Amino acid sequence: MGLREYHRKRDFGRTPEPRGDAAAARDGHRFVVQKHAASRLHYDFRLELDGTLKSWAVPKGPSLDPAEKRLAMQTEDHPIGYADFEGVIPEGEYGGGRVVVWDQGTWRPIDDPQTGMRKGRLAFTLDGEKLHGRWSLVHIHGRSARDARRCRSTPA
């Protein structure tokens, strides 16, 4: 996906969010969950992959109960430097509101992550401060274009 959409949505003269560039990209296995008090409180789940943070908005936040499925909607990729971002995005800007790091750590794919993303089933383990164990993001097919972008986030 790259950072084109991320850059298009932001005015870096007004927002403290990191601009990010290709030079900062690396091939690590970092993850971060950011609590984001925008127009509605939600959590942003981000996995470092292919030089960016692949990102999903999780309206109710991650669940620690393996039986509970949570909606996760994929959003635009974010720069690697966003993993450390905490602060206030000004009102009127895209995503305006307070952002804090809720959890962070490393992730390890169960299978090839690029294939998993392409096929709509990404399985991985997390080793964070709060989140641990096996998880998966599963693309669900709905009736509308909006539903087609949704994934379920489940501890496995």
C-alpha atoms as a PDB file:
ATOM      1  CA  MET A   1       0.000   0.000   0.000  1.00  0.00           C
ATOM      2  CA  GLY A   2       2.866   2.409   0.750  1.00  0.00           C
ATOM      3  CA  LEU A   3       2.599   5.815   2.412  1.00  0.00           C
ATOM      4  CA  ARG A   4       0.846   7.774  -0.370  1.00  0.00           C
ATOM      5  CA  GLU A   5      -2.580   7.617   1.298  1.00  0.00           C
ATOM      6  CA  TYR A   6      -1.088   8.439   4.718  1.00  0.00           C
ATOM      7  CA  HIS A   7       0.575  11.573   3.296  1.00  0.00           C
ATOM      8  CA  ARG A   8      -2.538  12.586   1.330  1.00  0.00           C
ATOM      9  CA  LYS A   9      -4.702  12.663   4.484  1.00  0.00           C
ATOM     10  CA  ARG A  10      -2.397  14.856   6.596  1.00  0.00           C
ATOM     11  CA  ASP A  11      -1.192  18.448   6.723  1.00  0.00           C
ATOM     12  CA  PHE A  12       2.258  18.105   8.293  1.00  0.00           C
ATOM     13  CA  GLY A  13       2.367  21.843   8.924  1.00  0.00           C
ATOM     14  CA  ARG A  14      -0.441  21.352  11.459  1.00  0.00           C
ATOM     15  CA  THR A  15      -0.113  17.825  12.828  1.00  0.00           C
ATOM     16  CA  PRO A  16       2.727  16.523  15.031  1.00  0.00           C
ATOM     17  CA  GLU A  17       2.491  13.070  13.416  1.00  0.00           C
ATOM     18  CA  PRO A  18       5.733  11.807  11.848  1.00  0.00           C
ATOM     19  CA  ARG A  19       5.979  12.302   8.088  1.00  0.00           C
ATOM     20  CA  GLY A  20       8.020   9.152   7.551  1.00  0.00           C
ATOM     21  CA  ASP A  21      10.087   8.304   4.514  1.00  0.00           C
ATOM     22  CA  ALA A  22      11.595   5.329   2.759  1.00  0.00           C
ATOM     23  CA  ALA A  23      14.982   5.939   4.400  1.00  0.00           C
ATOM     24  CA  ALA A  24      13.476   5.208   7.827  1.00  0.00           C
ATOM     25  CA  ALA A  25      11.990   1.916   6.649  1.00  0.00           C
ATOM     26  CA  ARG A  26      13.520  -1.271   7.938  1.00  0.00           C
ATOM     27  CA  ASP A  27      12.466  -4.889   7.949  1.00  0.00           C
ATOM     28  CA  GLY A  28      11.678  -5.571  11.598  1.00  0.00           C
ATOM     29  CA  HIS A  29       8.902  -7.304  13.464  1.00  0.00           C
ATOM     30  CA  ARG A  30       7.643  -4.596  15.770  1.00  0.00           C
ATOM     31  CA  PHE A  31       3.997  -4.138  16.700  1.00  0.00           C
ATOM     32  CA  VAL A  32       2.180  -1.367  18.520  1.00  0.00           C
ATOM     33  CA  VAL A  33      -1.362  -0.779  19.761  1.00  0.00           C
ATOM     34  CA  GLN A  34      -2.276   2.881  20.145  1.00  0.00           C
ATOM     35  CA  LYS A  35      -5.316   4.088  22.059  1.00  0.00           C
ATOM     36  CA  HIS A  36      -6.793   6.854  19.917  1.00  0.00           C
ATOM     37  CA  ALA A  37      -9.413   9.231  21.295  1.00  0.00           C
ATOM     38  CA  ALA A  38     -10.559  10.622  17.936  1.00  0.00           C
ATOM     39  CA  SER A  39     -14.225  11.328  17.108  1.00  0.00           C
ATOM     40  CA  ARG A  40     -14.756   7.904  18.717  1.00  0.00           C
ATOM     41  CA  LEU A  41     -12.410   6.094  21.053  1.00  0.00           C
ATOM     42  CA  HIS A  42     -10.754   3.137  19.329  1.00  0.00           C
ATOM     43  CA  TYR A  43      -7.461   1.270  19.233  1.00  0.00           C
ATOM     44  CA  ASP A  44      -5.069   1.206  16.275  1.00  0.00           C
ATOM     45  CA  PHE A  45      -3.246  -2.097  15.807  1.00  0.00           C
ATOM     46  CA  ARG A  46      -0.058  -1.858  13.725  1.00  0.00           C
ATOM     47  CA  LEU A  47       2.367  -4.527  12.466  1.00  0.00           C
ATOM     48  CA  GLU A  48       5.722  -3.683  10.901  1.00  0.00           C
ATOM     49  CA  LEU A  49       5.861  -5.340   7.484  1.00  0.00           C
ATOM     50  CA  ASP A  50       7.443  -4.411   4.138  1.00  0.00           C
ATOM     51  CA  GLY A  51       8.894  -1.130   5.421  1.00  0.00           C
ATOM     52  CA  THR A  52       5.648   0.299   6.825  1.00  0.00           C
ATOM     53  CA  LEU A  53       3.219  -0.290   9.673  1.00  0.00           C
ATOM     54  CA  LYS A  54       0.219  -2.211   8.339  1.00  0.00           C
ATOM     55  CA  SER A  55      -2.679  -0.751  10.308  1.00  0.00           C
ATOM     56  CA  TRP A  56      -6.142  -1.734  11.518  1.00  0.00           C
ATOM     57  CA  ALA A  57      -8.649   0.261  13.572  1.00  0.00           C
ATOM     58  CA  VAL A  58     -10.175  -1.887  16.326  1.00  0.00           C
ATOM     59  CA  PRO A  59     -13.271  -0.076  17.668  1.00  0.00           C
ATOM     60  CA  LYS A  60     -13.584  -2.069  20.917  1.00  0.00           C
ATOM     61  CA  GLY A  61      -9.875  -2.731  21.358  1.00  0.00           C
ATOM     62  CA  PRO A  62      -8.193  -6.118  21.509  1.00  0.00           C
ATOM     63  CA  SER A  63      -9.814  -8.820  23.615  1.00  0.00           C
ATOM     64  CA  LEU A  64      -7.848 -11.182  25.835  1.00  0.00           C
ATOM     65  CA  ASP A  65     -10.604 -13.809  25.566  1.00  0.00           C
ATOM     66  CA  PRO A  66      -9.803 -16.274  22.736  1.00  0.00           C
ATOM     67  CA  ALA A  67     -13.518 -16.999  22.258  1.00  0.00           C
ATOM     68  CA  GLU A  68     -14.316 -13.352  21.556  1.00  0.00           C
ATOM     69  CA  LYS A  69     -13.933 -12.032  18.012  1.00  0.00           C
ATOM     70  CA  ARG A  70     -13.307  -8.310  17.459  1.00  0.00           C
ATOM     71  CA  LEU A  71     -13.828  -6.204  14.373  1.00  0.00           C
ATOM     72  CA  ALA A  72     -10.621  -4.774  12.888  1.00  0.00           C
ATOM     73  CA  MET A  73     -10.868  -2.491   9.838  1.00  0.00           C
ATOM     74  CA  GLN A  74      -7.722  -2.125   7.766  1.00  0.00           C
ATOM     75  CA  THR A  75      -6.614   1.482   7.300  1.00  0.00           C
ATOM     76  CA  GLU A  76      -3.774   3.126   5.401  1.00  0.00           C
ATOM     77  CA  ASP A  77      -0.185   2.104   6.050  1.00  0.00           C
ATOM     78  CA  HIS A  78       1.723   4.309   8.502  1.00  0.00           C
ATOM     79  CA  PRO A  79       5.467   5.082   8.632  1.00  0.00           C
ATOM     80  CA  ILE A  80       7.650   3.023  10.960  1.00  0.00           C
ATOM     81  CA  GLY A  81       8.258   6.112  13.127  1.00  0.00           C
ATOM     82  CA  TYR A  82       4.547   6.214  13.980  1.00  0.00           C
ATOM     83  CA  ALA A  83       5.084   3.279  16.358  1.00  0.00           C
ATOM     84  CA  ASP A  84       6.559   5.727  18.886  1.00  0.00           C
ATOM     85  CA  PHE A  85       4.020   8.503  18.302  1.00  0.00           C
ATOM     86  CA  GLU A  86       2.104   9.839  21.277  1.00  0.00           C
ATOM     87  CA  GLY A  87       0.468  13.231  21.293  1.00  0.00           C
ATOM     88  CA  VAL A  88      -2.546  15.237  20.236  1.00  0.00           C
ATOM     89  CA  ILE A  89      -3.592  15.494  16.604  1.00  0.00           C
ATOM     90  CA  PRO A  90      -5.270  18.915  16.311  1.00  0.00           C
ATOM     91  CA  GLU A  91      -9.044  19.131  16.055  1.00  0.00           C
ATOM     92  CA  GLY A  92     -10.110  19.443  12.430  1.00  0.00           C
ATOM     93  CA  GLU A  93      -7.193  17.346  11.194  1.00  0.00           C
ATOM     94  CA  TYR A  94      -7.635  13.754  10.038  1.00  0.00           C
ATOM     95  CA  GLY A  95      -7.866  11.583  13.178  1.00  0.00           C
ATOM     96  CA  GLY A  96      -7.932  14.604  15.501  1.00  0.00           C
ATOM     97  CA  GLY A  97      -7.566  13.595  19.164  1.00  0.00           C
ATOM     98  CA  ARG A  98      -5.131  12.139  21.688  1.00  0.00           C
ATOM     99  CA  VAL A  99      -2.956   9.133  20.773  1.00  0.00           C
ATOM    100  CA  VAL A 100      -1.102   7.065  23.398  1.00  0.00           C
ATOM    101  CA  VAL A 101       0.862   3.836  23.107  1.00  0.00           C
ATOM    102  CA  TRP A 102      -1.250   1.182  24.851  1.00  0.00           C
ATOM    103  CA  ASP A 103       0.974  -1.818  24.099  1.00  0.00           C
ATOM    104  CA  GLN A 104       4.092  -2.604  22.099  1.00  0.00           C
ATOM    105  CA  GLY A 105       6.460  -5.438  21.445  1.00  0.00           C
ATOM    106  CA  THR A 106       7.419  -7.847  18.698  1.00  0.00           C
ATOM    107  CA  TRP A 107       5.408 -10.118  16.447  1.00  0.00           C
ATOM    108  CA  ARG A 108       6.320 -13.288  14.614  1.00  0.00           C
ATOM    109  CA  PRO A 109       4.396 -14.559  11.588  1.00  0.00           C
ATOM    110  CA  ILE A 110       3.164 -18.166  11.679  1.00  0.00           C
ATOM    111  CA  ASP A 111       3.399 -18.476   7.870  1.00  0.00           C
ATOM    112  CA  ASP A 112       4.589 -16.139   5.115  1.00  0.00           C
ATOM    113  CA  PRO A 113       3.022 -12.768   6.024  1.00  0.00           C
ATOM    114  CA  GLN A 114       2.794 -11.448   2.432  1.00  0.00           C
ATOM    115  CA  THR A 115       0.881 -14.558   1.391  1.00  0.00           C
ATOM    116  CA  GLY A 116      -1.317 -14.241   4.478  1.00  0.00           C
ATOM    117  CA  MET A 117      -2.147 -10.611   3.684  1.00  0.00           C
ATOM    118  CA  ARG A 118      -2.911 -11.494   0.062  1.00  0.00           C
ATOM    119  CA  LYS A 119      -5.119 -14.453   1.007  1.00  0.00           C
ATOM    120  CA  GLY A 120      -6.873 -12.578   3.831  1.00  0.00           C
ATOM    121  CA  ARG A 121      -5.667 -14.663   6.766  1.00  0.00           C
ATOM    122  CA  LEU A 122      -2.641 -13.411   8.663  1.00  0.00           C
ATOM    123  CA  ALA A 123      -1.662 -15.582  11.632  1.00  0.00           C
ATOM    124  CA  PHE A 124       1.042 -14.479  14.073  1.00  0.00           C
ATOM    125  CA  THR A 125       2.235 -14.478  17.656  1.00  0.00           C
ATOM    126  CA  LEU A 126       2.608 -11.361  19.771  1.00  0.00           C
ATOM    127  CA  ASP A 127       5.107 -10.772  22.543  1.00  0.00           C
ATOM    128  CA  GLY A 128       4.112  -7.447  24.053  1.00  0.00           C
ATOM    129  CA  GLU A 129       3.789  -5.825  27.417  1.00  0.00           C
ATOM    130  CA  LYS A 130       0.050  -6.688  27.543  1.00  0.00           C
ATOM    131  CA  LEU A 131      -0.693  -8.893  24.538  1.00  0.00           C
ATOM    132  CA  HIS A 132       0.877 -12.333  24.181  1.00  0.00           C
ATOM    133  CA  GLY A 133       0.217 -15.496  22.253  1.00  0.00           C
ATOM    134  CA  ARG A 134      -1.218 -16.451  18.904  1.00  0.00           C
ATOM    135  CA  TRP A 135      -3.533 -14.102  16.998  1.00  0.00           C
ATOM    136  CA  SER A 136      -5.032 -13.866  13.539  1.00  0.00           C
ATOM    137  CA  LEU A 137      -6.547 -11.255  11.274  1.00  0.00           C
ATOM    138  CA  VAL A 138      -9.163 -12.823   9.033  1.00  0.00           C
ATOM    139  CA  HIS A 139     -10.708 -11.008   6.089  1.00  0.00           C
ATOM    140  CA  ILE A 140     -14.492 -11.415   6.148  1.00  0.00           C
ATOM    141  CA  HIS A 141     -16.604 -10.918   3.060  1.00  0.00           C
ATOM    142  CA  GLY A 142     -19.734  -8.834   3.445  1.00  0.00           C
ATOM    143  CA  ARG A 143     -22.421  -7.537   1.164  1.00  0.00           C
ATOM    144  CA  SER A 144     -20.980  -4.090   0.582  1.00  0.00           C
ATOM    145  CA  ALA A 145     -17.613  -2.624  -0.386  1.00  0.00           C
ATOM    146  CA  ARG A 146     -17.300  -1.290   3.179  1.00  0.00           C
ATOM    147  CA  ASP A 147     -17.806  -4.768   4.673  1.00  0.00           C
ATOM    148  CA  ALA A 148     -15.175  -6.213   2.334  1.00  0.00           C
ATOM    149  CA  ARG A 149     -12.449  -4.185   4.103  1.00  0.00           C
ATOM    150  CA  ARG A 150     -13.229  -5.579   7.559  1.00  0.00           C
ATOM    151  CA  CYS A 151     -11.236  -8.226   9.357  1.00  0.00           C
ATOM    152  CA  ARG A 152     -11.775 -10.125  12.568  1.00  0.00           C
ATOM    153  CA  SER A 153      -9.014  -9.955  15.105  1.00  0.00           C
ATOM    154  CA  THR A 154      -8.916 -13.011  17.291  1.00  0.00           C
ATOM    155  CA  PRO A 155      -6.516 -14.440  19.809  1.00  0.00           C
ATOM    156  CA  ALA A 156      -5.950 -18.002  18.613  1.00  0.00           C
END
